[in-house]
PDB file of N, CA and C in Angstrom:
ATOM      1  N   MET A   1     -58.467 149.624   8.820  1.00  0.00           N
ATOM      2  CA  MET A   1     -57.468 150.622   8.515  1.00  0.00           C
ATOM      3  C   MET A   1     -58.093 152.004   8.740  1.00  0.00           C
ATOM      4  N   ALA A   2     -57.357 152.901   9.404  1.00  0.00           N
ATOM      5  CA  ALA A   2     -57.859 154.244   9.704  1.00  0.00           C
ATOM      6  C   ALA A   2     -57.761 155.125   8.472  1.00  0.00           C
ATOM      7  N   LYS A   3     -58.746 155.993   8.344  1.00  0.00           N
ATOM      8  CA  LYS A   3     -58.738 156.930   7.223  1.00  0.00           C
ATOM      9  C   LYS A   3     -57.925 158.160   7.593  1.00  0.00           C
ATOM     10  N   LEU A   4     -57.272 158.711   6.613  1.00  0.00           N
ATOM     11  CA  LEU A   4     -56.488 159.925   6.809  1.00  0.00           C
ATOM     12  C   LEU A   4     -57.416 161.125   6.742  1.00  0.00           C
ATOM     13  N   ASN A   5     -57.366 161.974   7.751  1.00  0.00           N
ATOM     14  CA  ASN A   5     -58.217 163.157   7.792  1.00  0.00           C
ATOM     15  C   ASN A   5     -57.513 164.298   7.066  1.00  0.00           C
ATOM     16  N   LEU A   6     -58.056 164.681   5.932  1.00  0.00           N
ATOM     17  CA  LEU A   6     -57.458 165.740   5.132  1.00  0.00           C
ATOM     18  C   LEU A   6     -58.183 167.073   5.282  1.00  0.00           C
ATOM     19  N   ASP A   7     -59.012 167.202   6.284  1.00  0.00           N
ATOM     20  CA  ASP A   7     -59.732 168.452   6.501  1.00  0.00           C
ATOM     21  C   ASP A   7     -58.797 169.430   7.213  1.00  0.00           C
ATOM     22  N   LEU A   8     -58.304 170.415   6.475  1.00  0.00           N
ATOM     23  CA  LEU A   8     -57.335 171.357   7.024  1.00  0.00           C
ATOM     24  C   LEU A   8     -57.969 172.445   7.877  1.00  0.00           C
ATOM     25  N   THR A   9     -59.284 172.562   7.848  1.00  0.00           N
ATOM     26  CA  THR A   9     -59.937 173.612   8.635  1.00  0.00           C
ATOM     27  C   THR A   9     -59.847 173.325  10.123  1.00  0.00           C
ATOM     28  N   GLU A  10     -59.731 172.072  10.516  1.00  0.00           N
ATOM     29  CA  GLU A  10     -59.622 171.731  11.935  1.00  0.00           C
ATOM     30  C   GLU A  10     -58.341 172.269  12.554  1.00  0.00           C
ATOM     31  N   ILE A  11     -57.287 172.321  11.787  1.00  0.00           N
ATOM     32  CA  ILE A  11     -56.025 172.841  12.322  1.00  0.00           C
ATOM     33  C   ILE A  11     -55.808 174.296  11.897  1.00  0.00           C
ATOM     34  N   GLU A  12     -56.879 174.936  11.489  1.00  0.00           N
ATOM     35  CA  GLU A  12     -56.891 176.351  11.107  1.00  0.00           C
ATOM     36  C   GLU A  12     -55.921 176.650   9.968  1.00  0.00           C
ATOM     37  N   LEU A  13     -55.835 175.739   9.044  1.00  0.00           N
ATOM     38  CA  LEU A  13     -55.019 175.954   7.860  1.00  0.00           C
ATOM     39  C   LEU A  13     -55.931 175.748   6.662  1.00  0.00           C
ATOM     40  N   ASN A  14     -56.416 176.843   6.137  1.00  0.00           N
ATOM     41  CA  ASN A  14     -57.391 176.763   5.056  1.00  0.00           C
ATOM     42  C   ASN A  14     -56.731 176.631   3.691  1.00  0.00           C
ATOM     43  N   GLU A  15     -55.596 177.246   3.542  1.00  0.00           N
ATOM     44  CA  GLU A  15     -55.024 177.327   2.204  1.00  0.00           C
ATOM     45  C   GLU A  15     -53.505 177.302   2.304  1.00  0.00           C
ATOM     46  N   LEU A  16     -52.889 176.531   1.464  1.00  0.00           N
ATOM     47  CA  LEU A  16     -51.431 176.522   1.404  1.00  0.00           C
ATOM     48  C   LEU A  16     -50.992 177.470   0.302  1.00  0.00           C
ATOM     49  N   SER A  17     -50.166 178.418   0.651  1.00  0.00           N
ATOM     50  CA  SER A  17     -49.731 179.381  -0.367  1.00  0.00           C
ATOM     51  C   SER A  17     -48.612 178.769  -1.203  1.00  0.00           C
ATOM     52  N   THR A  18     -48.619 179.094  -2.474  1.00  0.00           N
ATOM     53  CA  THR A  18     -47.564 178.568  -3.348  1.00  0.00           C
ATOM     54  C   THR A  18     -46.238 179.256  -3.075  1.00  0.00           C
ATOM     55  N   ALA A  19     -46.276 180.425  -2.456  1.00  0.00           N
ATOM     56  CA  ALA A  19     -45.031 181.134  -2.159  1.00  0.00           C
ATOM     57  C   ALA A  19     -44.148 180.325  -1.213  1.00  0.00           C
ATOM     58  N   SER A  20     -44.764 179.653  -0.247  1.00  0.00           N
ATOM     59  CA  SER A  20     -43.954 178.860   0.687  1.00  0.00           C
ATOM     60  C   SER A  20     -43.281 177.694  -0.038  1.00  0.00           C
ATOM     61  N   PHE A  21     -43.981 177.091  -0.979  1.00  0.00           N
ATOM     62  CA  PHE A  21     -43.369 176.019  -1.762  1.00  0.00           C
ATOM     63  C   PHE A  21     -42.246 176.557  -2.641  1.00  0.00           C
ATOM     64  N   GLN A  22     -42.459 177.743  -3.213  1.00  0.00           N
ATOM     65  CA  GLN A  22     -41.418 178.345  -4.042  1.00  0.00           C
ATOM     66  C   GLN A  22     -40.176 178.664  -3.219  1.00  0.00           C
ATOM     67  N   GLU A  23     -40.371 179.130  -1.993  1.00  0.00           N
ATOM     68  CA  GLU A  23     -39.228 179.406  -1.121  1.00  0.00           C
ATOM     69  C   GLU A  23     -38.452 178.126  -0.824  1.00  0.00           C
ATOM     70  N   GLN A  24     -39.182 177.051  -0.577  1.00  0.00           N
ATOM     71  CA  GLN A  24     -38.513 175.778  -0.306  1.00  0.00           C
ATOM     72  C   GLN A  24     -37.732 175.303  -1.523  1.00  0.00           C
ATOM     73  N   ASP A  25     -38.322 175.471  -2.708  1.00  0.00           N
ATOM     74  CA  ASP A  25     -37.628 175.077  -3.931  1.00  0.00           C
ATOM     75  C   ASP A  25     -36.349 175.882  -4.121  1.00  0.00           C
ATOM     76  N   GLU A  26     -36.425 177.186  -3.850  1.00  0.00           N
ATOM     77  CA  GLU A  26     -35.244 178.036  -4.000  1.00  0.00           C
ATOM     78  C   GLU A  26     -34.146 177.622  -3.026  1.00  0.00           C
ATOM     79  N   LYS A  27     -34.523 177.278  -1.814  1.00  0.00           N
ATOM     80  CA  LYS A  27     -33.530 176.844  -0.831  1.00  0.00           C
ATOM     81  C   LYS A  27     -32.850 175.559  -1.281  1.00  0.00           C
ATOM     82  N   GLN A  28     -33.627 174.636  -1.838  1.00  0.00           N
ATOM     83  CA  GLN A  28     -33.037 173.382  -2.304  1.00  0.00           C
ATOM     84  C   GLN A  28     -32.114 173.619  -3.486  1.00  0.00           C
ATOM     85  N   GLU A  29     -32.496 174.529  -4.379  1.00  0.00           N
ATOM     86  CA  GLU A  29     -31.653 174.809  -5.536  1.00  0.00           C
ATOM     87  C   GLU A  29     -30.334 175.433  -5.113  1.00  0.00           C
ATOM     88  N   THR A  30     -30.369 176.303  -4.116  1.00  0.00           N
ATOM     89  CA  THR A  30     -29.121 176.924  -3.673  1.00  0.00           C
ATOM     90  C   THR A  30     -28.219 175.913  -2.987  1.00  0.00           C
ATOM     91  N   LYS A  31     -28.772 174.910  -2.363  1.00  0.00           N
ATOM     92  CA  LYS A  31     -27.954 173.885  -1.726  1.00  0.00           C
ATOM     93  C   LYS A  31     -27.228 173.036  -2.763  1.00  0.00           C
ATOM     94  N   LYS A  32     -27.839 172.829  -3.911  1.00  0.00           N
ATOM     95  CA  LYS A  32     -27.260 171.948  -4.919  1.00  0.00           C
ATOM     96  C   LYS A  32     -26.056 172.571  -5.619  1.00  0.00           C
ATOM     97  N   THR A  33     -25.963 173.889  -5.632  1.00  0.00           N
ATOM     98  CA  THR A  33     -24.860 174.529  -6.335  1.00  0.00           C
ATOM     99  C   THR A  33     -23.574 174.367  -5.546  1.00  0.00           C
ATOM    100  N   GLY A  34     -22.473 174.522  -6.229  1.00  0.00           N
ATOM    101  CA  GLY A  34     -21.178 174.408  -5.581  1.00  0.00           C
ATOM    102  C   GLY A  34     -20.624 173.008  -5.715  1.00  0.00           C
ATOM    103  N   GLY A  35     -19.611 172.737  -4.943  1.00  0.00           N
ATOM    104  CA  GLY A  35     -18.990 171.431  -5.015  1.00  0.00           C
ATOM    105  C   GLY A  35     -17.919 171.385  -6.083  1.00  0.00           C
ATOM    106  N   ARG A  36     -17.499 170.215  -6.397  1.00  0.00           N
ATOM    107  CA  ARG A  36     -16.426 170.034  -7.356  1.00  0.00           C
ATOM    108  C   ARG A  36     -16.952 170.179  -8.776  1.00  0.00           C
ATOM    109  N   PRO A  37     -16.272 170.933  -9.609  1.00  0.00           N
ATOM    110  CA  PRO A  37     -16.753 171.076 -10.989  1.00  0.00           C
ATOM    111  C   PRO A  37     -16.635 169.765 -11.748  1.00  0.00           C
ATOM    112  N   LYS A  38     -17.629 169.465 -12.522  1.00  0.00           N
ATOM    113  CA  LYS A  38     -17.636 168.230 -13.295  1.00  0.00           C
ATOM    114  C   LYS A  38     -17.095 168.509 -14.695  1.00  0.00           C
ATOM    115  N   SER A  39     -16.294 167.610 -15.168  1.00  0.00           N
ATOM    116  CA  SER A  39     -15.727 167.748 -16.496  1.00  0.00           C
ATOM    117  C   SER A  39     -16.491 166.854 -17.461  1.00  0.00           C
ATOM    118  N   ALA A  40     -16.715 167.370 -18.653  1.00  0.00           N
ATOM    119  CA  ALA A  40     -17.413 166.585 -19.669  1.00  0.00           C
ATOM    120  C   ALA A  40     -16.467 165.588 -20.328  1.00  0.00           C
ATOM    121  N   ASN A  41     -15.181 165.842 -20.223  1.00  0.00           N
ATOM    122  CA  ASN A  41     -14.197 165.000 -20.885  1.00  0.00           C
ATOM    123  C   ASN A  41     -13.741 163.889 -19.935  1.00  0.00           C
ATOM    124  N   PRO A  42     -14.035 162.628 -20.244  1.00  0.00           N
ATOM    125  CA  PRO A  42     -13.638 161.544 -19.339  1.00  0.00           C
ATOM    126  C   PRO A  42     -12.128 161.382 -19.234  1.00  0.00           C
ATOM    127  N   ALA A  43     -11.385 161.864 -20.226  1.00  0.00           N
ATOM    128  CA  ALA A  43      -9.925 161.766 -20.163  1.00  0.00           C
ATOM    129  C   ALA A  43      -9.374 162.594 -19.017  1.00  0.00           C
ATOM    130  N   ASP A  44     -10.024 163.711 -18.715  1.00  0.00           N
ATOM    131  CA  ASP A  44      -9.590 164.535 -17.587  1.00  0.00           C
ATOM    132  C   ASP A  44      -9.682 163.744 -16.293  1.00  0.00           C
ATOM    133  N   LYS A  45     -10.760 163.011 -16.128  1.00  0.00           N
ATOM    134  CA  LYS A  45     -10.966 162.246 -14.907  1.00  0.00           C
ATOM    135  C   LYS A  45      -9.945 161.118 -14.803  1.00  0.00           C
ATOM    136  N   ARG A  46      -9.677 160.456 -15.916  1.00  0.00           N
ATOM    137  CA  ARG A  46      -8.719 159.353 -15.887  1.00  0.00           C
ATOM    138  C   ARG A  46      -7.321 159.850 -15.545  1.00  0.00           C
ATOM    139  N   THR A  47      -6.937 161.000 -16.090  1.00  0.00           N
ATOM    140  CA  THR A  47      -5.579 161.493 -15.882  1.00  0.00           C
ATOM    141  C   THR A  47      -5.358 161.913 -14.446  1.00  0.00           C
ATOM    142  N   THR A  48      -6.286 162.647 -13.873  1.00  0.00           N
ATOM    143  CA  THR A  48      -6.086 163.142 -12.515  1.00  0.00           C
ATOM    144  C   THR A  48      -6.277 162.045 -11.480  1.00  0.00           C
ATOM    145  N   MET A  49      -6.901 160.967 -11.851  1.00  0.00           N
ATOM    146  CA  MET A  49      -7.151 159.893 -10.907  1.00  0.00           C
ATOM    147  C   MET A  49      -5.839 159.265 -10.424  1.00  0.00           C
ATOM    148  N   PHE A  50      -4.800 159.296 -11.237  1.00  0.00           N
ATOM    149  CA  PHE A  50      -3.545 158.645 -10.900  1.00  0.00           C
ATOM    150  C   PHE A  50      -2.591 159.555 -10.143  1.00  0.00           C
ATOM    151  N   LEU A  51      -2.977 160.791  -9.878  1.00  0.00           N
ATOM    152  CA  LEU A  51      -2.107 161.719  -9.168  1.00  0.00           C
ATOM    153  C   LEU A  51      -2.275 161.569  -7.664  1.00  0.00           C
ATOM    154  N   SER A  52      -1.173 161.719  -6.955  1.00  0.00           N
ATOM    155  CA  SER A  52      -1.263 161.702  -5.495  1.00  0.00           C
ATOM    156  C   SER A  52      -1.752 163.064  -5.014  1.00  0.00           C
ATOM    157  N   SER A  53      -2.130 163.133  -3.768  1.00  0.00           N
ATOM    158  CA  SER A  53      -2.608 164.409  -3.232  1.00  0.00           C
ATOM    159  C   SER A  53      -1.482 165.436  -3.202  1.00  0.00           C
ATOM    160  N   GLU A  54      -0.236 164.992  -2.982  1.00  0.00           N
ATOM    161  CA  GLU A  54       0.899 165.921  -3.003  1.00  0.00           C
ATOM    162  C   GLU A  54       1.096 166.505  -4.394  1.00  0.00           C
ATOM    163  N   GLU A  55       0.945 165.673  -5.416  1.00  0.00           N
ATOM    164  CA  GLU A  55       1.096 166.162  -6.789  1.00  0.00           C
ATOM    165  C   GLU A  55      -0.003 167.154  -7.142  1.00  0.00           C
ATOM    166  N   LEU A  56      -1.218 166.880  -6.695  1.00  0.00           N
ATOM    167  CA  LEU A  56      -2.311 167.813  -6.949  1.00  0.00           C
ATOM    168  C   LEU A  56      -2.091 169.127  -6.218  1.00  0.00           C
ATOM    169  N   ASP A  57      -1.584 169.063  -4.993  1.00  0.00           N
ATOM    170  CA  ASP A  57      -1.278 170.287  -4.248  1.00  0.00           C
ATOM    171  C   ASP A  57      -0.214 171.104  -4.962  1.00  0.00           C
ATOM    172  N   PHE A  58       0.788 170.423  -5.497  1.00  0.00           N
ATOM    173  CA  PHE A  58       1.842 171.110  -6.239  1.00  0.00           C
ATOM    174  C   PHE A  58       1.273 171.830  -7.458  1.00  0.00           C
ATOM    175  N   LEU A  59       0.408 171.146  -8.192  1.00  0.00           N
ATOM    176  CA  LEU A  59      -0.199 171.772  -9.364  1.00  0.00           C
ATOM    177  C   LEU A  59      -1.079 172.948  -8.969  1.00  0.00           C
ATOM    178  N   ASP A  60      -1.779 172.833  -7.848  1.00  0.00           N
ATOM    179  CA  ASP A  60      -2.610 173.934  -7.373  1.00  0.00           C
ATOM    180  C   ASP A  60      -1.759 175.145  -7.013  1.00  0.00           C
ATOM    181  N   GLU A  61      -0.607 174.905  -6.387  1.00  0.00           N
ATOM    182  CA  GLU A  61       0.288 176.005  -6.036  1.00  0.00           C
ATOM    183  C   GLU A  61       0.824 176.700  -7.278  1.00  0.00           C
ATOM    184  N   MET A  62       1.002 175.959  -8.349  1.00  0.00           N
ATOM    185  CA  MET A  62       1.519 176.545  -9.582  1.00  0.00           C
ATOM    186  C   MET A  62       0.439 177.276 -10.365  1.00  0.00           C
ATOM    187  N   GLY A  63      -0.791 177.237  -9.882  1.00  0.00           N
ATOM    188  CA  GLY A  63      -1.865 177.944 -10.568  1.00  0.00           C
ATOM    189  C   GLY A  63      -2.718 177.057 -11.447  1.00  0.00           C
ATOM    190  N   HIS A  64      -2.447 175.777 -11.448  1.00  0.00           N
ATOM    191  CA  HIS A  64      -3.251 174.843 -12.238  1.00  0.00           C
ATOM    192  C   HIS A  64      -4.358 174.312 -11.342  1.00  0.00           C
ATOM    193  N   ILE A  65      -5.357 175.147 -11.124  1.00  0.00           N
ATOM    194  CA  ILE A  65      -6.379 174.837 -10.131  1.00  0.00           C
ATOM    195  C   ILE A  65      -7.446 173.918 -10.694  1.00  0.00           C
ATOM    196  N   THR A  66      -7.883 174.169 -11.905  1.00  0.00           N
ATOM    197  CA  THR A  66      -8.981 173.377 -12.450  1.00  0.00           C
ATOM    198  C   THR A  66      -8.473 172.036 -12.952  1.00  0.00           C
ATOM    199  N   ARG A  67      -9.361 171.103 -13.051  1.00  0.00           N
ATOM    200  CA  ARG A  67      -9.020 169.757 -13.509  1.00  0.00           C
ATOM    201  C   ARG A  67      -8.514 169.785 -14.953  1.00  0.00           C
ATOM    202  N   THR A  68      -9.104 170.648 -15.771  1.00  0.00           N
ATOM    203  CA  THR A  68      -8.685 170.738 -17.169  1.00  0.00           C
ATOM    204  C   THR A  68      -7.252 171.236 -17.261  1.00  0.00           C
ATOM    205  N   ASN A  69      -6.925 172.266 -16.481  1.00  0.00           N
ATOM    206  CA  ASN A  69      -5.561 172.784 -16.503  1.00  0.00           C
ATOM    207  C   ASN A  69      -4.566 171.751 -16.012  1.00  0.00           C
ATOM    208  N   ARG A  70      -4.947 170.997 -15.000  1.00  0.00           N
ATOM    209  CA  ARG A  70      -4.064 169.938 -14.509  1.00  0.00           C
ATOM    210  C   ARG A  70      -3.782 168.943 -15.619  1.00  0.00           C
ATOM    211  N   THR A  71      -4.823 168.576 -16.329  1.00  0.00           N
ATOM    212  CA  THR A  71      -4.677 167.593 -17.399  1.00  0.00           C
ATOM    213  C   THR A  71      -3.797 168.131 -18.513  1.00  0.00           C
ATOM    214  N   GLN A  72      -3.999 169.387 -18.885  1.00  0.00           N
ATOM    215  CA  GLN A  72      -3.171 169.980 -19.937  1.00  0.00           C
ATOM    216  C   GLN A  72      -1.711 170.009 -19.514  1.00  0.00           C
ATOM    217  N   TYR A  73      -1.478 170.351 -18.263  1.00  0.00           N
ATOM    218  CA  TYR A  73      -0.110 170.391 -17.744  1.00  0.00           C
ATOM    219  C   TYR A  73       0.522 168.998 -17.784  1.00  0.00           C
ATOM    220  N   LEU A  74      -0.229 168.000 -17.348  1.00  0.00           N
ATOM    221  CA  LEU A  74       0.287 166.633 -17.359  1.00  0.00           C
ATOM    222  C   LEU A  74       0.546 166.142 -18.778  1.00  0.00           C
ATOM    223  N   ARG A  75      -0.339 166.478 -19.678  1.00  0.00           N
ATOM    224  CA  ARG A  75      -0.145 166.048 -21.068  1.00  0.00           C
ATOM    225  C   ARG A  75       1.104 166.675 -21.668  1.00  0.00           C
ATOM    226  N   SER A  76       1.378 167.935 -21.316  1.00  0.00           N
ATOM    227  CA  SER A  76       2.593 168.568 -21.838  1.00  0.00           C
ATOM    228  C   SER A  76       3.833 167.852 -21.302  1.00  0.00           C
ATOM    229  N   ILE A  77       3.812 167.449 -20.036  1.00  0.00           N
ATOM    230  CA  ILE A  77       4.937 166.699 -19.469  1.00  0.00           C
ATOM    231  C   ILE A  77       5.070 165.347 -20.160  1.00  0.00           C
ATOM    232  N   ILE A  78       3.956 164.679 -20.382  1.00  0.00           N
ATOM    233  CA  ILE A  78       3.979 163.367 -21.038  1.00  0.00           C
ATOM    234  C   ILE A  78       4.519 163.491 -22.458  1.00  0.00           C
ATOM    235  N   ARG A  79       4.098 164.524 -23.183  1.00  0.00           N
ATOM    236  CA  ARG A  79       4.607 164.721 -24.550  1.00  0.00           C
ATOM    237  C   ARG A  79       6.121 164.918 -24.547  1.00  0.00           C
ATOM    238  N   GLU A  80       6.624 165.721 -23.597  1.00  0.00           N
ATOM    239  CA  GLU A  80       8.071 165.940 -23.506  1.00  0.00           C
ATOM    240  C   GLU A  80       8.799 164.630 -23.243  1.00  0.00           C
ATOM    241  N   LYS A  81       8.287 163.838 -22.327  1.00  0.00           N
ATOM    242  CA  LYS A  81       8.919 162.556 -21.997  1.00  0.00           C
ATOM    243  C   LYS A  81       8.880 161.603 -23.186  1.00  0.00           C
ATOM    244  N   MET A  82       7.765 161.608 -23.921  1.00  0.00           N
ATOM    245  CA  MET A  82       7.651 160.738 -25.098  1.00  0.00           C
ATOM    246  C   MET A  82       8.654 161.151 -26.169  1.00  0.00           C
ATOM    247  N   GLU A  83       8.798 162.459 -26.380  1.00  0.00           N
ATOM    248  CA  GLU A  83       9.761 162.936 -27.379  1.00  0.00           C
ATOM    249  C   GLU A  83      11.185 162.563 -26.977  1.00  0.00           C
ATOM    250  N   ASP A  84      11.514 162.728 -25.694  1.00  0.00           N
ATOM    251  CA  ASP A  84      12.843 162.340 -25.219  1.00  0.00           C
ATOM    252  C   ASP A  84      13.083 160.847 -25.418  1.00  0.00           C
ATOM    253  N   PHE A  85      12.090 160.054 -25.103  1.00  0.00           N
ATOM    254  CA  PHE A  85      12.207 158.605 -25.240  1.00  0.00           C
ATOM    255  C   PHE A  85      12.390 158.204 -26.701  1.00  0.00           C
ATOM    256  N   LYS A  86      11.602 158.822 -27.586  1.00  0.00           N
ATOM    257  CA  LYS A  86      11.707 158.495 -29.014  1.00  0.00           C
ATOM    258  C   LYS A  86      13.056 158.921 -29.577  1.00  0.00           C
ATOM    259  N   SER A  87      13.560 160.077 -29.144  1.00  0.00           N
ATOM    260  CA  SER A  87      14.846 160.547 -29.668  1.00  0.00           C
ATOM    261  C   SER A  87      15.997 159.665 -29.170  1.00  0.00           C
ATOM    262  N   LYS A  88      15.924 159.167 -27.950  1.00  0.00           N
ATOM    263  CA  LYS A  88      16.958 158.276 -27.422  1.00  0.00           C
ATOM    264  C   LYS A  88      16.890 156.900 -28.069  1.00  0.00           C
ATOM    265  N   LYS A  89      15.696 156.499 -28.458  1.00  0.00           N
ATOM    266  CA  LYS A  89      15.490 155.185 -29.058  1.00  0.00           C
ATOM    267  C   LYS A  89      16.098 155.122 -30.456  1.00  0.00           C
ATOM    268  N   GLN A  90      16.083 156.238 -31.167  1.00  0.00           N
ATOM    269  CA  GLN A  90      16.578 156.239 -32.550  1.00  0.00           C
ATOM    270  C   GLN A  90      18.030 156.367 -32.592  1.00  0.00           C
TER     271      GLN A  90
END
């Protein structure tokens, strides 16, 4: 098995600066930001999962852009429907 040559002086690289590593770390951190916001509440995920893309577009047009707002809007509709159903049942 061949040995790995770790002598950096042969390739005229005596010292690795930590600044270059820090720059690489910063670039990776900036790549990770963005994307879809994550909700801590699993109920939000369950509720929006059943919506079609047209329904989500409609909610976005109405200003309900975030997942939480979508869920609140849907819950208000569900509450209204439940109240109507209960009142008709009695």
